[in-house]
Amino acid sequence: MKQDQPTEREMVDSTVAETEKSLRYISGIIKQKGREMLNQYTITPPQFVALQWLLENGDMTIGELSNKMYLAFSTTTDLIDRMEKNELVVRVKDENDRRVVRIHLLPEGGRIIEEVIEKRQKYLEEVLSAFSQDEIIMLEKLLGKLHQEMKE
């Protein structure tokens, strides 16, 4: 007996495959657009990520930043050295434990990261101009839910 209709499992598998492909393509476009925007600044993509973490979480140790960025401690140290030379961040000793050194975001680092994020948001706003307000709200809710599931 020949089956003309795909099974429910086949439809789910196909939808999951298409969703993964769409997310991969979207991620690639975001990464490329982000790099194009960074070309106007003196920071590299890894420095952008580090500055973003510092802006969102406040002062962090190199170890904490390494873990957030999935980088080796030595790689993160080199990254911080270069950002410190460019006066984007500064190392400060912890007030409670002088052995602990935290990375502190300087005004110039904050200015750059906020400018870049604003440009990224403007780009997304242009892309989303083809969507209705309800579609945008639904997209944000679904992406938020997907993010939450991935964090767990």
N, C-alpha and C. Protein backbone atom coordinates (compact mmCIF):
# COMPACT_ATOMS: atom_id res chain seq x y z
N MET A 1 0.84 -1.19 0.00
CA MET A 1 0.00 0.00 0.00
C MET A 1 0.88 1.25 0.00
N LYS A 2 0.64 2.16 -0.94
CA LYS A 2 1.45 3.36 -1.10
C LYS A 2 0.89 4.50 -0.24
N GLN A 3 1.81 5.21 0.44
CA GLN A 3 1.40 6.34 1.26
C GLN A 3 1.62 7.62 0.47
N ASP A 4 0.55 8.39 0.27
CA ASP A 4 0.66 9.65 -0.45
C ASP A 4 1.00 10.79 0.51
N GLN A 5 0.48 10.74 1.71
CA GLN A 5 0.66 11.79 2.71
C GLN A 5 1.86 11.46 3.60
N PRO A 6 2.70 12.47 3.87
CA PRO A 6 3.80 12.21 4.80
C PRO A 6 3.24 11.98 6.21
N THR A 7 3.94 11.18 6.99
CA THR A 7 3.51 10.92 8.36
C THR A 7 3.76 12.18 9.19
N GLU A 8 3.14 12.22 10.36
CA GLU A 8 3.32 13.35 11.26
C GLU A 8 4.80 13.49 11.65
N ARG A 9 5.45 12.34 11.89
CA ARG A 9 6.87 12.35 12.26
C ARG A 9 7.72 12.93 11.13
N GLU A 10 7.43 12.56 9.88
CA GLU A 10 8.17 13.08 8.74
C GLU A 10 7.97 14.60 8.60
N MET A 11 6.76 15.07 8.87
CA MET A 11 6.49 16.51 8.79
C MET A 11 7.25 17.27 9.88
N VAL A 12 7.28 16.71 11.09
CA VAL A 12 8.01 17.33 12.19
C VAL A 12 9.50 17.37 11.86
N ASP A 13 10.03 16.23 11.39
CA ASP A 13 11.46 16.16 11.04
C ASP A 13 11.81 17.19 9.96
N SER A 14 10.95 17.32 8.97
CA SER A 14 11.18 18.26 7.88
C SER A 14 11.15 19.71 8.40
N THR A 15 10.19 19.99 9.27
CA THR A 15 10.07 21.34 9.83
C THR A 15 11.27 21.67 10.70
N VAL A 16 11.72 20.72 11.51
CA VAL A 16 12.90 20.93 12.36
C VAL A 16 14.13 21.19 11.47
N ALA A 17 14.27 20.42 10.41
CA ALA A 17 15.41 20.60 9.50
C ALA A 17 15.38 21.98 8.86
N GLU A 18 14.21 22.41 8.42
CA GLU A 18 14.08 23.74 7.80
C GLU A 18 14.33 24.86 8.81
N THR A 19 13.88 24.67 10.04
CA THR A 19 14.10 25.67 11.10
C THR A 19 15.58 25.80 11.40
N GLU A 20 16.28 24.67 11.51
CA GLU A 20 17.72 24.68 11.77
C GLU A 20 18.44 25.41 10.64
N LYS A 21 18.04 25.11 9.41
CA LYS A 21 18.67 25.75 8.24
C LYS A 21 18.43 27.26 8.25
N SER A 22 17.20 27.68 8.55
CA SER A 22 16.89 29.11 8.60
C SER A 22 17.70 29.81 9.68
N LEU A 23 17.77 29.20 10.86
CA LEU A 23 18.54 29.80 11.96
C LEU A 23 20.02 29.90 11.60
N ARG A 24 20.54 28.87 10.94
CA ARG A 24 21.95 28.88 10.52
C ARG A 24 22.20 30.02 9.54
N TYR A 25 21.31 30.18 8.56
CA TYR A 25 21.46 31.25 7.58
C TYR A 25 21.34 32.63 8.24
N ILE A 26 20.35 32.78 9.12
CA ILE A 26 20.14 34.05 9.83
C ILE A 26 21.38 34.38 10.66
N SER A 27 21.90 33.40 11.37
CA SER A 27 23.10 33.59 12.18
C SER A 27 24.27 34.05 11.32
N GLY A 28 24.44 33.45 10.16
CA GLY A 28 25.51 33.82 9.24
C GLY A 28 25.37 35.25 8.76
N ILE A 29 24.15 35.66 8.43
CA ILE A 29 23.91 37.03 7.96
C ILE A 29 24.18 38.03 9.08
N ILE A 30 23.71 37.72 10.28
CA ILE A 30 23.94 38.60 11.43
C ILE A 30 25.43 38.75 11.68
N LYS A 31 26.15 37.64 11.63
CA LYS A 31 27.60 37.67 11.86
C LYS A 31 28.29 38.53 10.79
N GLN A 32 27.90 38.35 9.53
CA GLN A 32 28.50 39.12 8.43
C GLN A 32 28.17 40.61 8.56
N LYS A 33 26.92 40.95 8.81
CA LYS A 33 26.53 42.36 8.97
C LYS A 33 27.25 42.98 10.16
N GLY A 34 27.37 42.20 11.24
CA GLY A 34 28.06 42.68 12.43
C GLY A 34 29.51 42.99 12.13
N ARG A 35 30.16 42.12 11.37
CA ARG A 35 31.57 42.37 10.99
C ARG A 35 31.70 43.61 10.13
N GLU A 36 30.75 43.80 9.20
CA GLU A 36 30.78 45.00 8.36
C GLU A 36 30.67 46.26 9.21
N MET A 37 29.79 46.22 10.22
CA MET A 37 29.62 47.38 11.10
C MET A 37 30.88 47.62 11.94
N LEU A 38 31.54 46.54 12.35
CA LEU A 38 32.75 46.68 13.18
C LEU A 38 33.93 47.24 12.41
N ASN A 39 33.88 47.14 11.07
CA ASN A 39 34.98 47.67 10.25
C ASN A 39 35.20 49.17 10.46
N GLN A 40 34.17 49.87 10.94
CA GLN A 40 34.26 51.30 11.17
C GLN A 40 34.91 51.62 12.53
N TYR A 41 35.22 50.59 13.29
CA TYR A 41 35.75 50.77 14.65
C TYR A 41 37.10 50.06 14.78
N THR A 42 37.76 50.32 15.91
CA THR A 42 39.08 49.74 16.15
C THR A 42 39.00 48.43 16.92
N ILE A 43 37.84 47.78 16.93
CA ILE A 43 37.71 46.52 17.67
C ILE A 43 37.44 45.34 16.73
N THR A 44 37.84 44.17 17.20
CA THR A 44 37.63 42.93 16.45
C THR A 44 36.34 42.27 16.93
N PRO A 45 35.81 41.30 16.17
CA PRO A 45 34.60 40.61 16.64
C PRO A 45 34.73 40.00 18.05
N PRO A 46 35.85 39.34 18.40
CA PRO A 46 35.95 38.83 19.78
C PRO A 46 35.96 39.96 20.83
N GLN A 47 36.58 41.09 20.49
CA GLN A 47 36.56 42.22 21.42
C GLN A 47 35.14 42.75 21.59
N PHE A 48 34.37 42.77 20.50
CA PHE A 48 32.97 43.19 20.57
C PHE A 48 32.21 42.30 21.55
N VAL A 49 32.41 40.99 21.43
CA VAL A 49 31.71 40.05 22.32
C VAL A 49 32.12 40.30 23.77
N ALA A 50 33.41 40.48 24.02
CA ALA A 50 33.89 40.74 25.38
C ALA A 50 33.29 42.03 25.94
N LEU A 51 33.29 43.09 25.14
CA LEU A 51 32.72 44.36 25.59
C LEU A 51 31.23 44.22 25.88
N GLN A 52 30.55 43.43 25.07
CA GLN A 52 29.12 43.20 25.27
C GLN A 52 28.88 42.52 26.62
N TRP A 53 29.66 41.48 26.93
CA TRP A 53 29.52 40.80 28.22
C TRP A 53 29.76 41.76 29.37
N LEU A 54 30.79 42.60 29.26
CA LEU A 54 31.10 43.55 30.33
C LEU A 54 30.00 44.60 30.48
N LEU A 55 29.44 45.05 29.36
CA LEU A 55 28.35 46.02 29.42
C LEU A 55 27.13 45.41 30.12
N GLU A 56 26.80 44.17 29.78
CA GLU A 56 25.60 43.52 30.31
C GLU A 56 25.77 43.02 31.74
N ASN A 57 27.00 42.59 32.13
CA ASN A 57 27.19 41.97 33.43
C ASN A 57 28.04 42.76 34.40
N GLY A 58 28.61 43.87 33.97
CA GLY A 58 29.49 44.63 34.84
C GLY A 58 30.88 43.99 34.90
N ASP A 59 31.68 44.44 35.86
CA ASP A 59 33.06 43.97 35.98
C ASP A 59 33.11 42.46 36.15
N MET A 60 34.08 41.84 35.47
CA MET A 60 34.25 40.39 35.52
C MET A 60 35.73 40.07 35.61
N THR A 61 36.05 38.90 36.16
CA THR A 61 37.44 38.43 36.13
C THR A 61 37.71 37.87 34.73
N ILE A 62 38.99 37.69 34.42
CA ILE A 62 39.35 37.11 33.12
C ILE A 62 38.79 35.69 33.03
N GLY A 63 38.81 34.95 34.15
CA GLY A 63 38.26 33.59 34.16
C GLY A 63 36.77 33.58 33.84
N GLU A 64 36.02 34.50 34.45
CA GLU A 64 34.58 34.58 34.18
C GLU A 64 34.32 34.93 32.73
N LEU A 65 35.08 35.88 32.21
CA LEU A 65 34.92 36.29 30.81
C LEU A 65 35.31 35.15 29.87
N SER A 66 36.38 34.44 30.20
CA SER A 66 36.81 33.28 29.40
C SER A 66 35.69 32.25 29.29
N ASN A 67 35.04 31.96 30.42
CA ASN A 67 33.95 30.98 30.44
C ASN A 67 32.77 31.46 29.60
N LYS A 68 32.41 32.73 29.72
CA LYS A 68 31.28 33.27 28.95
C LYS A 68 31.54 33.21 27.45
N MET A 69 32.82 33.44 27.07
CA MET A 69 33.16 33.51 25.65
C MET A 69 33.64 32.17 25.09
N TYR A 70 33.74 31.17 25.94
CA TYR A 70 34.24 29.84 25.53
C TYR A 70 35.63 29.96 24.91
N LEU A 71 36.49 30.75 25.57
CA LEU A 71 37.86 30.93 25.10
C LEU A 71 38.82 30.47 26.19
N ALA A 72 40.04 30.12 25.77
CA ALA A 72 41.08 29.78 26.74
C ALA A 72 41.44 31.02 27.54
N PHE A 73 41.85 30.81 28.78
CA PHE A 73 42.24 31.90 29.67
C PHE A 73 43.32 32.76 29.02
N SER A 74 44.32 32.11 28.40
CA SER A 74 45.42 32.85 27.78
C SER A 74 44.94 33.70 26.60
N THR A 75 43.99 33.18 25.83
CA THR A 75 43.43 33.93 24.70
C THR A 75 42.69 35.16 25.20
N THR A 76 41.93 34.98 26.28
CA THR A 76 41.18 36.10 26.85
C THR A 76 42.14 37.14 27.43
N THR A 77 43.22 36.69 28.04
CA THR A 77 44.22 37.62 28.57
C THR A 77 44.80 38.48 27.45
N ASP A 78 45.14 37.86 26.32
CA ASP A 78 45.66 38.62 25.16
C ASP A 78 44.62 39.63 24.66
N LEU A 79 43.37 39.20 24.62
CA LEU A 79 42.27 40.05 24.18
C LEU A 79 42.17 41.28 25.09
N ILE A 80 42.22 41.05 26.40
CA ILE A 80 42.13 42.14 27.38
C ILE A 80 43.34 43.06 27.26
N ASP A 81 44.53 42.49 27.06
CA ASP A 81 45.74 43.31 26.88
C ASP A 81 45.55 44.31 25.75
N ARG A 82 45.04 43.84 24.62
CA ARG A 82 44.85 44.72 23.45
C ARG A 82 43.76 45.77 23.73
N MET A 83 42.69 45.36 24.39
CA MET A 83 41.62 46.32 24.70
C MET A 83 42.08 47.35 25.73
N GLU A 84 42.94 46.94 26.64
CA GLU A 84 43.46 47.87 27.63
C GLU A 84 44.37 48.91 26.95
N LYS A 85 45.19 48.47 25.99
CA LYS A 85 46.05 49.39 25.24
C LYS A 85 45.22 50.43 24.48
N ASN A 86 44.05 50.01 24.00
CA ASN A 86 43.16 50.92 23.26
C ASN A 86 42.22 51.69 24.18
N GLU A 87 42.44 51.58 25.50
CA GLU A 87 41.66 52.29 26.51
C GLU A 87 40.17 52.01 26.45
N LEU A 88 39.85 50.73 26.18
CA LEU A 88 38.45 50.29 26.17
C LEU A 88 38.07 49.69 27.51
N VAL A 89 39.05 49.07 28.17
CA VAL A 89 38.85 48.44 29.48
C VAL A 89 40.07 48.73 30.35
N VAL A 90 39.93 48.47 31.64
CA VAL A 90 41.05 48.60 32.57
C VAL A 90 40.94 47.47 33.59
N ARG A 91 42.10 46.97 34.04
CA ARG A 91 42.13 45.97 35.11
C ARG A 91 42.08 46.71 36.44
N VAL A 92 41.21 46.26 37.34
CA VAL A 92 41.12 46.85 38.68
C VAL A 92 41.16 45.75 39.72
N LYS A 93 41.86 46.01 40.82
CA LYS A 93 41.92 45.04 41.92
C LYS A 93 40.59 45.07 42.67
N ASP A 94 40.10 43.87 43.03
CA ASP A 94 38.87 43.74 43.80
C ASP A 94 39.06 44.39 45.17
N GLU A 95 38.08 45.17 45.61
CA GLU A 95 38.18 45.86 46.90
C GLU A 95 38.22 44.88 48.07
N ASN A 96 37.51 43.77 47.95
CA ASN A 96 37.42 42.79 49.05
C ASN A 96 38.58 41.80 49.06
N ASP A 97 39.15 41.53 47.89
CA ASP A 97 40.24 40.55 47.80
C ASP A 97 41.25 41.06 46.78
N ARG A 98 42.35 41.63 47.26
CA ARG A 98 43.33 42.26 46.38
C ARG A 98 43.98 41.30 45.40
N ARG A 99 43.84 39.99 45.62
CA ARG A 99 44.40 39.00 44.69
C ARG A 99 43.55 38.88 43.43
N VAL A 100 42.29 39.29 43.53
CA VAL A 100 41.34 39.18 42.41
C VAL A 100 41.40 40.45 41.56
N VAL A 101 41.55 40.25 40.26
CA VAL A 101 41.58 41.38 39.32
C VAL A 101 40.34 41.29 38.43
N ARG A 102 39.63 42.39 38.34
CA ARG A 102 38.43 42.45 37.51
C ARG A 102 38.67 43.35 36.31
N ILE A 103 37.96 43.04 35.23
CA ILE A 103 38.03 43.85 34.02
C ILE A 103 36.87 44.84 34.07
N HIS A 104 37.19 46.11 33.95
CA HIS A 104 36.20 47.18 34.03
C HIS A 104 36.08 47.89 32.69
N LEU A 105 34.87 48.05 32.23
CA LEU A 105 34.58 48.72 30.96
C LEU A 105 34.78 50.23 31.14
N LEU A 106 35.61 50.81 30.28
CA LEU A 106 35.83 52.26 30.29
C LEU A 106 34.81 52.96 29.40
N PRO A 107 34.62 54.28 29.58
CA PRO A 107 33.62 55.01 28.77
C PRO A 107 33.76 54.79 27.26
N GLU A 108 34.99 54.78 26.73
CA GLU A 108 35.17 54.60 25.28
C GLU A 108 34.68 53.22 24.84
N GLY A 109 34.96 52.19 25.63
CA GLY A 109 34.46 50.85 25.32
C GLY A 109 32.94 50.81 25.35
N GLY A 110 32.35 51.46 26.33
CA GLY A 110 30.89 51.52 26.42
C GLY A 110 30.28 52.28 25.26
N ARG A 111 30.93 53.38 24.87
CA ARG A 111 30.43 54.17 23.74
C ARG A 111 30.42 53.35 22.46
N ILE A 112 31.52 52.67 22.20
CA ILE A 112 31.63 51.87 20.97
C ILE A 112 30.58 50.77 20.96
N ILE A 113 30.47 50.03 22.05
CA ILE A 113 29.54 48.90 22.08
C ILE A 113 28.10 49.38 21.92
N GLU A 114 27.75 50.49 22.56
CA GLU A 114 26.39 51.02 22.44
C GLU A 114 26.10 51.50 21.02
N GLU A 115 27.08 52.13 20.38
CA GLU A 115 26.92 52.58 18.98
C GLU A 115 26.69 51.38 18.05
N VAL A 116 27.51 50.35 18.22
CA VAL A 116 27.40 49.17 17.35
C VAL A 116 26.06 48.48 17.56
N ILE A 117 25.64 48.32 18.81
CA ILE A 117 24.36 47.68 19.10
C ILE A 117 23.21 48.50 18.50
N GLU A 118 23.32 49.83 18.60
CA GLU A 118 22.28 50.69 18.02
C GLU A 118 22.21 50.50 16.50
N LYS A 119 23.36 50.40 15.83
CA LYS A 119 23.38 50.17 14.38
C LYS A 119 22.79 48.80 14.04
N ARG A 120 23.08 47.79 14.86
CA ARG A 120 22.53 46.46 14.63
C ARG A 120 21.01 46.47 14.77
N GLN A 121 20.53 47.22 15.77
CA GLN A 121 19.08 47.32 15.98
C GLN A 121 18.40 48.05 14.84
N LYS A 122 19.06 49.11 14.32
CA LYS A 122 18.51 49.84 13.17
C LYS A 122 18.40 48.91 11.95
N TYR A 123 19.44 48.11 11.74
CA TYR A 123 19.42 47.16 10.63
C TYR A 123 18.25 46.19 10.79
N LEU A 124 18.08 45.65 11.99
CA LEU A 124 16.98 44.71 12.23
C LEU A 124 15.63 45.40 12.05
N GLU A 125 15.54 46.64 12.48
CA GLU A 125 14.30 47.40 12.30
C GLU A 125 13.95 47.52 10.82
N GLU A 126 14.96 47.76 9.99
CA GLU A 126 14.74 47.85 8.54
C GLU A 126 14.25 46.52 7.99
N VAL A 127 14.86 45.43 8.41
CA VAL A 127 14.46 44.10 7.94
C VAL A 127 13.03 43.80 8.39
N LEU A 128 12.71 44.17 9.63
CA LEU A 128 11.38 43.87 10.17
C LEU A 128 10.29 44.80 9.66
N SER A 129 10.63 45.79 8.87
CA SER A 129 9.62 46.70 8.33
C SER A 129 8.62 45.97 7.43
N ALA A 130 9.01 44.78 6.95
CA ALA A 130 8.12 43.97 6.12
C ALA A 130 7.15 43.14 6.96
N PHE A 131 7.29 43.20 8.30
CA PHE A 131 6.46 42.41 9.21
C PHE A 131 5.40 43.31 9.85
N SER A 132 4.26 42.72 10.19
CA SER A 132 3.25 43.46 10.96
C SER A 132 3.72 43.53 12.41
N GLN A 133 3.11 44.44 13.17
CA GLN A 133 3.48 44.56 14.59
C GLN A 133 3.20 43.25 15.33
N ASP A 134 2.07 42.59 15.01
CA ASP A 134 1.75 41.31 15.64
C ASP A 134 2.79 40.24 15.31
N GLU A 135 3.27 40.23 14.06
CA GLU A 135 4.30 39.26 13.68
C GLU A 135 5.61 39.51 14.44
N ILE A 136 5.95 40.79 14.59
CA ILE A 136 7.18 41.13 15.32
C ILE A 136 7.07 40.70 16.78
N ILE A 137 5.93 40.96 17.40
CA ILE A 137 5.72 40.55 18.80
C ILE A 137 5.78 39.03 18.92
N MET A 138 5.15 38.33 18.00
CA MET A 138 5.16 36.86 18.04
C MET A 138 6.57 36.32 17.81
N LEU A 139 7.29 36.91 16.88
CA LEU A 139 8.66 36.48 16.61
C LEU A 139 9.52 36.63 17.87
N GLU A 140 9.41 37.78 18.53
CA GLU A 140 10.20 38.04 19.74
C GLU A 140 9.83 37.03 20.84
N LYS A 141 8.54 36.75 21.00
CA LYS A 141 8.10 35.78 22.02
C LYS A 141 8.65 34.39 21.72
N LEU A 142 8.57 33.98 20.47
CA LEU A 142 9.05 32.64 20.10
C LEU A 142 10.57 32.54 20.21
N LEU A 143 11.28 33.58 19.79
CA LEU A 143 12.74 33.56 19.93
C LEU A 143 13.15 33.56 21.40
N GLY A 144 12.41 34.32 22.21
CA GLY A 144 12.67 34.32 23.65
C GLY A 144 12.45 32.95 24.26
N LYS A 145 11.39 32.28 23.84
CA LYS A 145 11.10 30.93 24.34
C LYS A 145 12.18 29.95 23.89
N LEU A 146 12.60 30.05 22.63
CA LEU A 146 13.66 29.18 22.10
C LEU A 146 14.95 29.40 22.89
N HIS A 147 15.29 30.66 23.15
CA HIS A 147 16.49 30.99 23.91
C HIS A 147 16.41 30.40 25.31
N GLN A 148 15.26 30.53 25.95
CA GLN A 148 15.08 30.00 27.30
C GLN A 148 15.26 28.48 27.32
N GLU A 149 14.69 27.80 26.35
CA GLU A 149 14.83 26.33 26.27
C GLU A 149 16.27 25.91 26.05
N MET A 150 16.99 26.70 25.27
CA MET A 150 18.39 26.38 24.98
C MET A 150 19.28 26.59 26.19
N LYS A 151 18.92 27.56 27.05
CA LYS A 151 19.71 27.84 28.25
C LYS A 151 19.58 26.72 29.29
N GLU A 152 18.47 26.00 29.25
CA GLU A 152 18.22 24.97 30.28
C GLU A 152 18.90 23.67 30.00
